[in-house]
C-alpha atoms as a PDB file:
ATOM      1  CA  MET A   1      78.482  49.462  93.467  1.00  0.00           C
ATOM      2  CA  PRO A   2      80.490  47.246  91.137  1.00  0.00           C
ATOM      3  CA  ARG A   3      78.896  47.741  87.700  1.00  0.00           C
ATOM      4  CA  MET A   4      77.444  51.243  87.734  1.00  0.00           C
ATOM      5  CA  ASP A   5      77.321  54.173  90.102  1.00  0.00           C
ATOM      6  CA  GLY A   6      74.280  55.426  92.013  1.00  0.00           C
ATOM      7  CA  ILE A   7      73.778  58.351  89.652  1.00  0.00           C
ATOM      8  CA  GLU A   8      73.317  55.976  86.716  1.00  0.00           C
ATOM      9  CA  VAL A   9      71.013  53.712  88.736  1.00  0.00           C
ATOM     10  CA  CYS A  10      68.931  56.756  89.688  1.00  0.00           C
ATOM     11  CA  ARG A  11      68.790  57.931  86.067  1.00  0.00           C
ATOM     12  CA  ARG A  12      67.604  54.500  84.881  1.00  0.00           C
ATOM     13  CA  LEU A  13      65.047  54.088  87.665  1.00  0.00           C
ATOM     14  CA  ARG A  14      63.570  57.506  86.930  1.00  0.00           C
ATOM     15  CA  GLY A  15      63.338  56.544  83.269  1.00  0.00           C
ATOM     16  CA  GLU A  16      61.271  53.498  84.227  1.00  0.00           C
ATOM     17  CA  GLY A  17      58.835  55.056  86.679  1.00  0.00           C
ATOM     18  CA  ASP A  18      58.204  56.761  89.966  1.00  0.00           C
ATOM     19  CA  VAL A  19      59.883  54.443  92.491  1.00  0.00           C
ATOM     20  CA  PRO A  20      61.118  56.191  95.676  1.00  0.00           C
ATOM     21  CA  ILE A  21      64.899  56.759  95.668  1.00  0.00           C
ATOM     22  CA  LEU A  22      67.074  57.595  98.679  1.00  0.00           C
ATOM     23  CA  PHE A  23      70.812  57.974  98.218  1.00  0.00           C
ATOM     24  CA  LEU A  24      72.968  56.589 101.020  1.00  0.00           C
ATOM     25  CA  SER A  25      76.472  57.600 100.055  1.00  0.00           C
ATOM     26  CA  SER A  26      79.942  58.373 101.320  1.00  0.00           C
ATOM     27  CA  ARG A  27      80.199  61.115  98.686  1.00  0.00           C
ATOM     28  CA  ASP A  28      79.357  64.195 100.707  1.00  0.00           C
ATOM     29  CA  ASP A  29      80.345  67.035  98.407  1.00  0.00           C
ATOM     30  CA  GLU A  30      77.607  69.528  97.742  1.00  0.00           C
ATOM     31  CA  ILE A  31      77.759  68.884  93.988  1.00  0.00           C
ATOM     32  CA  ASP A  32      77.149  65.134  94.541  1.00  0.00           C
ATOM     33  CA  ARG A  33      74.098  65.817  96.713  1.00  0.00           C
ATOM     34  CA  ILE A  34      72.695  68.361  94.255  1.00  0.00           C
ATOM     35  CA  LEU A  35      73.252  66.059  91.285  1.00  0.00           C
ATOM     36  CA  GLY A  36      71.506  63.168  93.045  1.00  0.00           C
ATOM     37  CA  ILE A  37      68.477  65.290  93.899  1.00  0.00           C
ATOM     38  CA  GLU A  38      68.331  66.909  90.447  1.00  0.00           C
ATOM     39  CA  LEU A  39      68.405  63.502  88.759  1.00  0.00           C
ATOM     40  CA  GLY A  40      65.347  62.434  90.707  1.00  0.00           C
ATOM     41  CA  ALA A  41      66.340  61.178  94.148  1.00  0.00           C
ATOM     42  CA  ASP A  42      63.794  61.890  96.858  1.00  0.00           C
ATOM     43  CA  ASP A  43      66.486  62.330  99.519  1.00  0.00           C
ATOM     44  CA  TYR A  44      70.265  62.076  99.977  1.00  0.00           C
ATOM     45  CA  VAL A  45      71.980  60.945 103.195  1.00  0.00           C
ATOM     46  CA  THR A  46      75.758  60.886 103.634  1.00  0.00           C
ATOM     47  CA  LYS A  47      77.929  58.630 105.782  1.00  0.00           C
ATOM     48  CA  PRO A  48      78.371  58.561 108.684  1.00  0.00           C
ATOM     49  CA  PHE A  49      74.661  58.561 109.409  1.00  0.00           C
ATOM     50  CA  SER A  50      72.312  57.841 112.267  1.00  0.00           C
ATOM     51  CA  PRO A  51      70.164  54.749 111.635  1.00  0.00           C
ATOM     52  CA  ARG A  52      67.222  56.550 113.253  1.00  0.00           C
ATOM     53  CA  GLU A  53      67.611  59.454 110.865  1.00  0.00           C
ATOM     54  CA  VAL A  54      67.685  57.099 107.852  1.00  0.00           C
ATOM     55  CA  VAL A  55      64.531  55.338 109.061  1.00  0.00           C
ATOM     56  CA  ALA A  56      62.796  58.703 109.594  1.00  0.00           C
ATOM     57  CA  ARG A  57      63.801  59.872 106.108  1.00  0.00           C
ATOM     58  CA  VAL A  58      62.639  56.610 104.505  1.00  0.00           C
ATOM     59  CA  MET A  59      59.291  56.903 106.297  1.00  0.00           C
ATOM     60  CA  ALA A  60      58.935  60.519 105.120  1.00  0.00           C
ATOM     61  CA  VAL A  61      59.625  59.531 101.512  1.00  0.00           C
ATOM     62  CA  LEU A  62      57.154  56.649 101.737  1.00  0.00           C
ATOM     63  CA  ARG A  63      54.502  58.950 103.222  1.00  0.00           C
ATOM     64  CA  ARG A  64      54.963  61.349 100.324  1.00  0.00           C
ATOM     65  CA  VAL A  65      54.735  58.755  97.574  1.00  0.00           C
ATOM     66  CA  SER A  66      52.294  56.276  99.114  1.00  0.00           C
ATOM     67  CA  GLY A  67      50.113  58.788 100.895  1.00  0.00           C
ATOM     68  CA  ARG A  68      48.633  60.041  97.662  1.00  0.00           C
ATOM     69  CA  PRO A  69      45.001  59.022  97.533  1.00  0.00           C
ATOM     70  CA  PRO A  70      43.930  57.194  94.391  1.00  0.00           C
ATOM     71  CA  GLU A  71      42.286  59.241  91.676  1.00  0.00           C
ATOM     72  CA  VAL A  72      38.852  57.832  92.401  1.00  0.00           C
ATOM     73  CA  GLU A  73      39.029  59.024  96.013  1.00  0.00           C
ATOM     74  CA  ARG A  74      40.190  62.501  95.036  1.00  0.00           C
ATOM     75  CA  ALA A  75      37.183  62.968  92.814  1.00  0.00           C
ATOM     76  CA  ALA A  76      34.326  63.012  95.304  1.00  0.00           C
ATOM     77  CA  THR A  77      31.764  61.596  92.874  1.00  0.00           C
ATOM     78  CA  THR A  78      28.940  59.375  94.008  1.00  0.00           C
ATOM     79  CA  LEU A  79      29.814  55.692  93.811  1.00  0.00           C
ATOM     80  CA  ARG A  80      27.104  53.266  92.711  1.00  0.00           C
ATOM     81  CA  HIS A  81      27.383  49.501  92.678  1.00  0.00           C
ATOM     82  CA  GLY A  82      24.194  47.496  92.377  1.00  0.00           C
ATOM     83  CA  ARG A  83      21.832  48.719  95.097  1.00  0.00           C
ATOM     84  CA  LEU A  84      24.690  50.381  97.024  1.00  0.00           C
ATOM     85  CA  THR A  85      25.196  54.149  96.755  1.00  0.00           C
ATOM     86  CA  LEU A  86      28.019  56.010  98.486  1.00  0.00           C
ATOM     87  CA  ASP A  87      28.299  59.787  98.681  1.00  0.00           C
ATOM     88  CA  PRO A  88      31.929  60.502  99.717  1.00  0.00           C
ATOM     89  CA  GLU A  89      31.367  64.228 100.205  1.00  0.00           C
ATOM     90  CA  GLY A  90      28.359  63.733 102.472  1.00  0.00           C
ATOM     91  CA  TRP A  91      29.748  60.562 104.085  1.00  0.00           C
ATOM     92  CA  GLN A  92      26.432  58.837 103.417  1.00  0.00           C
ATOM     93  CA  ALA A  93      25.681  55.263 102.455  1.00  0.00           C
ATOM     94  CA  GLN A  94      22.414  54.004 101.032  1.00  0.00           C
ATOM     95  CA  TRP A  95      21.067  50.596 100.134  1.00  0.00           C
ATOM     96  CA  GLY A  96      18.213  50.737  97.648  1.00  0.00           C
ATOM     97  CA  GLY A  97      17.569  54.366  98.577  1.00  0.00           C
ATOM     98  CA  GLU A  98      17.534  53.688 102.341  1.00  0.00           C
ATOM     99  CA  ALA A  99      20.196  55.388 104.476  1.00  0.00           C
ATOM    100  CA  VAL A 100      22.554  53.096 106.389  1.00  0.00           C
ATOM    101  CA  ALA A 101      24.430  54.622 109.345  1.00  0.00           C
ATOM    102  CA  LEU A 102      28.159  53.801 109.234  1.00  0.00           C
ATOM    103  CA  THR A 103      31.237  54.701 111.231  1.00  0.00           C
ATOM    104  CA  VAL A 104      34.066  56.549 109.471  1.00  0.00           C
ATOM    105  CA  THR A 105      36.142  53.364 109.246  1.00  0.00           C
ATOM    106  CA  GLU A 106      33.240  51.307 107.902  1.00  0.00           C
ATOM    107  CA  PHE A 107      32.505  53.960 105.289  1.00  0.00           C
ATOM    108  CA  GLY A 108      36.194  54.078 104.312  1.00  0.00           C
ATOM    109  CA  ILE A 109      36.345  50.311 103.859  1.00  0.00           C
ATOM    110  CA  LEU A 110      33.186  50.288 101.765  1.00  0.00           C
ATOM    111  CA  ARG A 111      34.385  53.224  99.650  1.00  0.00           C
ATOM    112  CA  THR A 112      37.730  51.489  99.053  1.00  0.00           C
ATOM    113  CA  LEU A 113      36.042  48.292  97.899  1.00  0.00           C
ATOM    114  CA  ALA A 114      33.349  50.001  95.803  1.00  0.00           C
ATOM    115  CA  ALA A 115      35.831  52.291  94.046  1.00  0.00           C
ATOM    116  CA  MET A 116      37.499  49.263  92.417  1.00  0.00           C
ATOM    117  CA  PRO A 117      34.813  46.578  92.203  1.00  0.00           C
ATOM    118  CA  SER A 118      36.919  43.955  90.430  1.00  0.00           C
ATOM    119  CA  LYS A 119      39.909  44.242  92.782  1.00  0.00           C
ATOM    120  CA  VAL A 120      40.426  41.966  95.774  1.00  0.00           C
ATOM    121  CA  PHE A 121      42.024  43.927  98.630  1.00  0.00           C
ATOM    122  CA  SER A 122      44.183  42.293 101.266  1.00  0.00           C
ATOM    123  CA  ARG A 123      43.609  43.426 104.837  1.00  0.00           C
ATOM    124  CA  ASP A 124      46.943  45.261 104.760  1.00  0.00           C
ATOM    125  CA  ALA A 125      45.971  47.064 101.543  1.00  0.00           C
ATOM    126  CA  ILE A 126      42.722  48.202 103.174  1.00  0.00           C
ATOM    127  CA  ILE A 127      44.618  49.458 106.232  1.00  0.00           C
ATOM    128  CA  ASP A 128      47.053  51.344 103.966  1.00  0.00           C
ATOM    129  CA  ARG A 129      44.132  52.971 102.131  1.00  0.00           C
ATOM    130  CA  LEU A 130      42.426  53.979 105.363  1.00  0.00           C
ATOM    131  CA  ARG A 131      45.352  55.072 107.513  1.00  0.00           C
ATOM    132  CA  GLY A 132      48.446  55.167 105.311  1.00  0.00           C
ATOM    133  CA  PRO A 133      51.356  52.757 105.133  1.00  0.00           C
ATOM    134  CA  GLY A 134      52.948  51.639 108.366  1.00  0.00           C
ATOM    135  CA  PHE A 135      49.931  52.446 110.546  1.00  0.00           C
ATOM    136  CA  ALA A 136      49.730  50.100 113.526  1.00  0.00           C
ATOM    137  CA  LEU A 137      46.369  48.398 113.149  1.00  0.00           C
ATOM    138  CA  THR A 138      45.802  44.650 113.304  1.00  0.00           C
ATOM    139  CA  ASP A 139      44.373  42.964 110.244  1.00  0.00           C
ATOM    140  CA  ARG A 140      41.718  41.317 112.424  1.00  0.00           C
ATOM    141  CA  THR A 141      40.330  44.778 113.086  1.00  0.00           C
ATOM    142  CA  ILE A 142      39.393  44.878 109.404  1.00  0.00           C
ATOM    143  CA  ASP A 143      37.576  41.542 109.829  1.00  0.00           C
ATOM    144  CA  SER A 144      35.593  43.040 112.690  1.00  0.00           C
ATOM    145  CA  HIS A 145      34.575  46.099 110.655  1.00  0.00           C
ATOM    146  CA  VAL A 146      33.578  43.901 107.694  1.00  0.00           C
ATOM    147  CA  ARG A 147      31.443  41.789 110.042  1.00  0.00           C
ATOM    148  CA  ASN A 148      29.762  44.984 111.316  1.00  0.00           C
ATOM    149  CA  LEU A 149      29.165  46.207 107.748  1.00  0.00           C
ATOM    150  CA  ARG A 150      27.550  42.918 106.787  1.00  0.00           C
ATOM    151  CA  ALA A 151      25.284  43.025 109.852  1.00  0.00           C
ATOM    152  CA  LYS A 152      24.196  46.627 109.238  1.00  0.00           C
ATOM    153  CA  PHE A 153      23.409  46.022 105.576  1.00  0.00           C
ATOM    154  CA  ALA A 154      21.732  42.647 106.279  1.00  0.00           C
ATOM    155  CA  GLY A 155      19.161  44.642 108.241  1.00  0.00           C
ATOM    156  CA  HIS A 156      18.322  46.366 104.941  1.00  0.00           C
ATOM    157  CA  GLY A 157      18.146  43.144 102.928  1.00  0.00           C
ATOM    158  CA  ALA A 158      21.728  43.091 101.633  1.00  0.00           C
ATOM    159  CA  GLU A 159      23.184  39.598 101.655  1.00  0.00           C
ATOM    160  CA  ASP A 160      25.911  40.096  99.046  1.00  0.00           C
ATOM    161  CA  LEU A 161      27.623  43.307 100.149  1.00  0.00           C
ATOM    162  CA  ILE A 162      31.201  42.059 100.598  1.00  0.00           C
ATOM    163  CA  GLU A 163      32.821  38.880  99.290  1.00  0.00           C
ATOM    164  CA  THR A 164      35.537  37.113 101.252  1.00  0.00           C
ATOM    165  CA  ARG A 165      38.345  35.600  99.226  1.00  0.00           C
ATOM    166  CA  PRO A 166      39.924  33.077 101.637  1.00  0.00           C
ATOM    167  CA  GLY A 167      43.634  33.637 102.065  1.00  0.00           C
ATOM    168  CA  ILE A 168      43.516  36.843 100.004  1.00  0.00           C
ATOM    169  CA  GLY A 169      41.104  39.417 101.393  1.00  0.00           C
ATOM    170  CA  TYR A 170      37.881  41.165 100.458  1.00  0.00           C
ATOM    171  CA  ARG A 171      36.126  42.714  97.505  1.00  0.00           C
ATOM    172  CA  ILE A 172      32.757  44.328  96.961  1.00  0.00           C
ATOM    173  CA  GLY A 173      29.978  41.855  96.239  1.00  0.00           C
ATOM    174  CA  ALA A 174      27.333  42.040  93.540  1.00  0.00           C
ATOM    175  CA  CYS A 175      25.153  44.250  95.767  1.00  0.00           C
ATOM    176  CA  GLY A 176      22.011  42.945  94.136  1.00  0.00           C
ATOM    177  CA  GLY A 177      20.140  42.253  97.338  1.00  0.00           C
END
């Protein structure tokens, strides 16, 4: 690298935040690898390397950093939004006190949306929340589950469960009935 070495880049990135760092270097001395890891790198690969191994290591790092559930999902508190109530520990959904039977995926989508009511989630963001990054699931599958959610809740008088933001994604509706 022309202006600064990888160690300095790593040091500065770690000072700014928690971005994943993987060293890909020709410096293969043990001290170089140890220094890189101690300064905050998530992994260190030396040349020559196998492209498959690098991809596997990148995926492992991304699983570790992106696979952390958000704080609101870790705390299994009851979520309430308008007439909607979700009990994450019991995997139960209610509309105005009436139980609504949902599949695991439908419940996960609803929990994701209700946990952050002002946020609009893209289909890819919903997939990442449900299955983790890189999971092979088409975004139209999310549309199908949202359609099923709307139909199930419409049977209980819910007409404003999920809002569609054209070209962006979905967010929880007002849930007023």
